[in-house]
Amino acid sequence: MLRGIAEYAMSGRRQAATATVLLGLIPILGILSATLVALITLRKGFREGFLLLLWALLPALLQAQAGDFSAIFLATAALLLAYILRKTESWQLILVALTTLAGLTQLSLVWQESYIDQAVSTLDLLIPAGNFADPAITNRILLEELLHYYGAYHGIAFLVILSWARHWQASLYHPGGFQREFHALRIDPKLGLLLGVGIVLGLSEMEPLNQWLPLFAVAPLTAALGFCHWLAHRTGKFVLVLTYLALFFMSPVLVSLSFVDSALDLRNRWKLDSKH
């Protein structure tokens, strides 16, 4: 079904616009609207992607009227990241751009007061005041803690959108292309150094870096997943079981692995014959 959506969108400008608007009107499928923007940009270039972005912004602006700008962020980031990938073919550069865009998204909370107030009101309905064991904790304090993940959440969404679009492009025109790119994904040592310093300072409770730790972890975790998928392709799928258990229960292990790979380039050091 999802491949059918991609094929339909690629069949013409009108079809792409129709699919993008309709998917954008359904909140649970809104991410597919941004994915189509990325797919068209990857395949047909910035101009066609920008025209489709204008259509994607129609339902996104309706959500913005209610105080939620996420759909605008997702569609815009989809265009920018897809264009960068189309021009450079560099996933290392994508990780830099993605981290930057996610950081800007985190900063956007400064002028999203109506969104924060609306979220607090929703929490007040779900969790009535006085339900916390500690009376000093309020729904606004709880929300502020959750919003530390706002940029990271969007960074992950940006990555999912671009990866999904690249997968569609590869399946339609270059079978196996996305797998090769994902398996080769590795953090540039300079970016690894910057993120590593940010994480260390954040762990030392330096303000405001301690609030940005989830954002700093997005790129290393992504690169670690690429490395582990490469390793599993050559040694066995059990590696993936361990990888995703670590992702949910011991994510710092994967972050550390990513930094080690960034510094040492483990793929070139480990000469493994593919079993597949």
Protein backbone atom coordinates (compact mmCIF):
# COMPACT_ATOMS: atom_id res chain seq x y z
CA MET A 1 0.00 0.00 0.00
CA LEU A 2 2.73 2.49 0.97
CA ARG A 3 4.71 1.73 -2.19
CA GLY A 4 1.49 2.34 -4.10
CA ILE A 5 1.29 5.83 -2.57
CA ALA A 6 4.82 6.55 -3.77
CA GLU A 7 4.09 5.25 -7.26
CA TYR A 8 0.91 7.33 -7.44
CA ALA A 9 2.71 10.49 -6.34
CA MET A 10 5.50 9.93 -8.86
CA SER A 11 3.02 9.58 -11.74
CA GLY A 12 2.40 13.33 -12.04
CA ARG A 13 2.33 16.73 -10.35
CA ARG A 14 -1.45 16.65 -9.79
CA GLN A 15 -1.31 13.18 -8.27
CA ALA A 16 1.54 14.19 -5.94
CA ALA A 17 -0.35 17.30 -4.78
CA THR A 18 -3.56 15.33 -4.19
CA ALA A 19 -1.82 12.64 -2.14
CA THR A 20 0.17 15.19 -0.15
CA VAL A 21 -2.86 17.27 0.82
CA LEU A 22 -5.09 14.30 1.66
CA LEU A 23 -2.43 12.62 3.81
CA GLY A 24 -1.71 15.92 5.53
CA LEU A 25 -5.35 16.22 6.57
CA ILE A 26 -5.15 12.93 8.49
CA PRO A 27 -3.01 13.51 11.62
CA ILE A 28 -1.87 9.91 11.96
CA LEU A 29 -0.72 9.89 8.32
CA GLY A 30 0.68 13.42 8.24
CA ILE A 31 4.27 12.21 8.27
CA LEU A 32 3.65 10.61 4.86
CA SER A 33 2.78 14.03 3.46
CA ALA A 34 6.26 15.28 4.35
CA THR A 35 7.76 12.03 3.04
CA LEU A 36 6.25 12.70 -0.39
CA VAL A 37 7.84 16.16 -0.37
CA ALA A 38 11.20 14.51 0.30
CA LEU A 39 10.65 11.83 -2.36
CA ILE A 40 9.75 14.34 -5.08
CA THR A 41 12.74 16.51 -4.14
CA LEU A 42 15.11 13.55 -4.23
CA ARG A 43 13.86 12.42 -7.63
CA LYS A 44 12.88 15.64 -9.41
CA GLY A 45 14.82 18.42 -7.72
CA PHE A 46 14.26 21.46 -5.55
CA ARG A 47 11.73 23.26 -7.77
CA GLU A 48 9.28 20.35 -7.89
CA GLY A 49 9.84 19.67 -4.20
CA PHE A 50 9.17 23.31 -3.31
CA LEU A 51 5.93 23.35 -5.33
CA LEU A 52 4.79 20.24 -3.48
CA LEU A 53 5.82 21.81 -0.16
CA LEU A 54 3.34 24.62 -0.84
CA TRP A 55 0.58 22.03 -1.10
CA ALA A 56 1.81 20.25 2.03
CA LEU A 57 1.66 23.54 3.94
CA LEU A 58 -2.09 23.89 3.38
CA PRO A 59 -3.11 21.21 5.92
CA ALA A 60 -0.03 22.06 8.01
CA LEU A 61 -1.24 25.65 8.41
CA LEU A 62 -4.57 24.35 9.70
CA GLN A 63 -2.69 22.56 12.46
CA ALA A 64 -0.65 25.69 13.11
CA GLN A 65 -3.87 27.61 13.67
CA ALA A 66 -4.48 25.25 16.58
CA GLY A 67 -0.98 26.02 17.90
CA ASP A 68 0.90 22.95 16.59
CA PHE A 69 3.70 23.82 14.14
CA SER A 70 5.12 20.29 13.87
CA ALA A 71 3.67 19.61 10.41
CA ILE A 72 5.30 22.80 9.08
CA PHE A 73 8.65 21.80 10.59
CA LEU A 74 8.42 18.28 9.14
CA ALA A 75 7.50 19.33 5.61
CA THR A 76 10.09 22.12 5.46
CA ALA A 77 12.86 19.93 6.86
CA ALA A 78 11.90 17.21 4.37
CA LEU A 79 12.51 19.59 1.47
CA LEU A 80 15.82 20.92 2.82
CA LEU A 81 17.30 17.58 3.83
CA ALA A 82 16.23 15.85 0.62
CA TYR A 83 17.77 18.63 -1.44
CA ILE A 84 21.05 18.36 0.50
CA LEU A 85 21.12 14.60 0.02
CA ARG A 86 20.32 14.92 -3.68
CA LYS A 87 23.15 17.42 -4.22
CA THR A 88 25.81 15.85 -1.99
CA GLU A 89 24.94 12.14 -1.62
CA SER A 90 26.44 12.52 1.87
CA TRP A 91 24.65 11.07 4.88
CA GLN A 92 27.39 12.47 7.10
CA LEU A 93 26.37 15.96 5.98
CA ILE A 94 22.74 14.99 6.51
CA LEU A 95 23.49 14.20 10.16
CA VAL A 96 25.01 17.68 10.56
CA ALA A 97 22.04 19.36 8.88
CA LEU A 98 19.53 17.23 10.76
CA THR A 99 21.08 18.06 14.13
CA THR A 100 21.08 21.75 13.22
CA LEU A 101 17.42 21.74 12.15
CA ALA A 102 16.41 19.79 15.25
CA GLY A 103 18.26 22.36 17.39
CA LEU A 104 16.39 25.21 15.69
CA THR A 105 13.15 23.34 16.30
CA GLN A 106 14.01 23.09 19.99
CA LEU A 107 14.68 26.84 20.08
CA SER A 108 11.32 27.52 18.41
CA LEU A 109 9.61 26.73 21.72
CA VAL A 110 10.57 30.25 22.81
CA TRP A 111 7.81 31.65 20.61
CA GLN A 112 5.36 28.76 20.92
CA GLU A 113 3.77 29.92 24.17
CA SER A 114 0.25 29.11 22.95
CA TYR A 115 1.34 25.54 22.17
CA ILE A 116 2.84 25.14 25.64
CA ASP A 117 -0.27 26.60 27.32
CA GLN A 118 -2.48 24.26 25.29
CA ALA A 119 -0.32 21.28 26.23
CA VAL A 120 -0.52 22.22 29.92
CA SER A 121 -4.32 22.45 29.66
CA THR A 122 -4.42 19.00 28.09
CA LEU A 123 -2.24 17.59 30.87
CA ASP A 124 -4.52 19.22 33.45
CA LEU A 125 -7.42 17.26 31.99
CA LEU A 126 -5.46 14.00 31.90
CA ILE A 127 -3.67 14.44 35.24
CA PRO A 128 -5.69 16.55 37.71
CA ALA A 129 -3.73 18.80 40.07
CA GLY A 130 -2.63 17.15 43.30
CA ASN A 131 -2.07 13.70 41.80
CA PHE A 132 1.71 13.92 42.18
CA ALA A 133 3.41 12.52 45.27
CA ASP A 134 5.52 15.66 45.46
CA PRO A 135 3.26 18.75 45.71
CA ALA A 136 6.05 20.89 44.23
CA ILE A 137 5.58 19.08 40.91
CA THR A 138 2.97 20.60 38.62
CA ASN A 139 1.86 19.75 35.10
CA ARG A 140 3.81 22.72 33.77
CA ILE A 141 7.02 21.42 35.39
CA LEU A 142 6.30 17.97 33.99
CA LEU A 143 5.72 19.45 30.54
CA GLU A 144 8.97 21.42 30.69
CA GLU A 145 10.82 18.16 31.33
CA LEU A 146 9.06 16.49 28.39
CA LEU A 147 9.84 19.44 26.12
CA HIS A 148 13.56 18.76 26.57
CA TYR A 149 12.85 16.01 24.02
CA TYR A 150 11.05 18.31 21.56
CA GLY A 151 14.03 18.86 19.28
CA ALA A 152 15.17 15.24 19.52
CA TYR A 153 11.68 13.98 18.70
CA HIS A 154 11.58 16.15 15.59
CA GLY A 155 15.13 15.16 14.67
CA ILE A 156 14.09 11.51 14.73
CA ALA A 157 11.00 12.36 12.67
CA PHE A 158 13.17 14.23 10.13
CA LEU A 159 15.40 11.18 9.86
CA VAL A 160 12.47 8.77 9.45
CA ILE A 161 10.96 10.95 6.72
CA LEU A 162 14.18 11.24 4.73
CA SER A 163 15.04 7.55 5.16
CA TRP A 164 11.54 6.51 4.12
CA ALA A 165 11.69 8.73 1.05
CA ARG A 166 15.15 7.40 0.15
CA HIS A 167 13.87 3.84 0.58
CA TRP A 168 10.95 4.58 -1.75
CA GLN A 169 13.30 6.13 -4.29
CA ALA A 170 15.63 3.15 -4.12
CA SER A 171 12.84 0.57 -4.35
CA LEU A 172 11.37 2.31 -7.40
CA TYR A 173 14.56 3.22 -9.26
CA HIS A 174 17.69 1.86 -7.55
CA PRO A 175 16.99 -1.42 -5.70
CA GLY A 176 19.41 -1.94 -2.82
CA GLY A 177 20.73 1.60 -2.97
CA PHE A 178 19.36 2.74 0.36
CA GLN A 179 20.67 -0.35 2.17
CA ARG A 180 24.20 0.33 0.94
CA GLU A 181 23.98 3.96 2.06
CA PHE A 182 22.58 3.07 5.48
CA HIS A 183 25.19 0.38 6.08
CA ALA A 184 27.96 2.90 5.32
CA LEU A 185 26.54 5.58 7.64
CA ARG A 186 29.22 6.95 9.96
CA ILE A 187 29.63 10.19 11.89
CA ASP A 188 32.34 12.51 10.63
CA PRO A 189 35.07 12.72 13.32
CA LYS A 190 34.67 16.50 13.62
CA LEU A 191 30.93 16.20 14.24
CA GLY A 192 31.62 13.31 16.61
CA LEU A 193 34.01 15.49 18.61
CA LEU A 194 31.47 18.34 18.86
CA LEU A 195 28.64 16.03 19.89
CA GLY A 196 30.89 14.20 22.33
CA VAL A 197 31.89 17.45 24.02
CA GLY A 198 28.25 18.51 24.15
CA ILE A 199 27.24 15.22 25.78
CA VAL A 200 30.06 15.35 28.34
CA LEU A 201 29.21 18.94 29.29
CA GLY A 202 25.53 18.07 29.42
CA LEU A 203 26.18 15.14 31.71
CA SER A 204 28.12 17.50 33.97
CA GLU A 205 24.86 19.49 34.37
CA MET A 206 26.10 22.52 32.47
CA GLU A 207 23.13 24.73 31.56
CA PRO A 208 21.55 24.65 29.00
CA LEU A 209 23.48 21.72 27.49
CA ASN A 210 22.05 19.31 30.06
CA GLN A 211 18.62 19.97 28.53
CA TRP A 212 19.92 19.20 25.03
CA LEU A 213 21.29 15.72 25.73
CA PRO A 214 18.48 13.91 23.86
CA LEU A 215 19.16 16.06 20.79
CA PHE A 216 22.92 15.38 20.91
CA ALA A 217 22.21 11.63 20.95
CA VAL A 218 20.13 11.48 17.74
CA ALA A 219 23.01 11.47 15.24
CA PRO A 220 25.22 9.00 17.18
CA LEU A 221 22.31 6.59 17.65
CA THR A 222 21.49 6.78 13.95
CA ALA A 223 25.07 6.07 12.93
CA ALA A 224 25.26 3.20 15.43
CA LEU A 225 22.15 1.60 13.91
CA GLY A 226 23.73 1.86 10.47
CA PHE A 227 26.89 0.18 11.71
CA CYS A 228 24.98 -2.59 13.49
CA HIS A 229 22.87 -3.29 10.41
CA TRP A 230 26.11 -3.54 8.41
CA LEU A 231 27.53 -5.93 10.99
CA ALA A 232 24.35 -8.03 11.04
CA HIS A 233 24.43 -8.30 7.25
CA ARG A 234 27.82 -9.96 7.56
CA THR A 235 27.56 -11.99 10.74
CA GLY A 236 23.90 -12.79 11.35
CA LYS A 237 20.61 -11.18 12.31
CA PHE A 238 21.06 -11.93 16.01
CA VAL A 239 23.18 -8.78 16.10
CA LEU A 240 20.01 -6.81 15.37
CA VAL A 241 18.23 -8.38 18.33
CA LEU A 242 21.02 -7.21 20.62
CA THR A 243 21.10 -3.82 18.88
CA TYR A 244 17.44 -3.00 19.43
CA LEU A 245 17.49 -4.31 22.98
CA ALA A 246 20.39 -1.94 23.59
CA LEU A 247 18.52 0.88 21.87
CA PHE A 248 15.63 0.63 24.31
CA PHE A 249 17.49 -0.36 27.48
CA MET A 250 21.15 0.66 27.11
CA SER A 251 21.23 3.42 24.50
CA PRO A 252 24.50 4.93 25.90
CA VAL A 253 26.24 1.75 24.69
CA LEU A 254 25.18 2.50 21.12
CA VAL A 255 26.15 6.15 21.45
CA SER A 256 29.61 5.08 22.63
CA LEU A 257 29.88 2.58 19.77
CA SER A 258 29.11 5.34 17.29
CA PHE A 259 31.88 7.55 18.67
CA VAL A 260 34.35 4.65 18.53
CA ASP A 261 33.40 3.98 14.91
CA SER A 262 33.70 7.68 14.12
CA ALA A 263 37.27 7.74 15.43
CA LEU A 264 38.50 4.34 14.21
CA ASP A 265 36.35 3.54 11.12
CA LEU A 266 35.61 0.00 12.24
CA ARG A 267 34.27 -1.16 8.89
CA ASN A 268 37.71 -0.79 7.31
CA ARG A 269 39.40 -2.40 10.31
CA TRP A 270 37.10 -5.43 10.44
CA LYS A 271 37.43 -7.52 7.33
CA LEU A 272 34.27 -9.62 7.36
CA ASP A 273 32.98 -11.70 4.50
CA SER A 274 29.29 -11.24 3.80
CA LYS A 275 27.16 -14.33 4.32
CA HIS A 276 24.30 -12.87 2.30
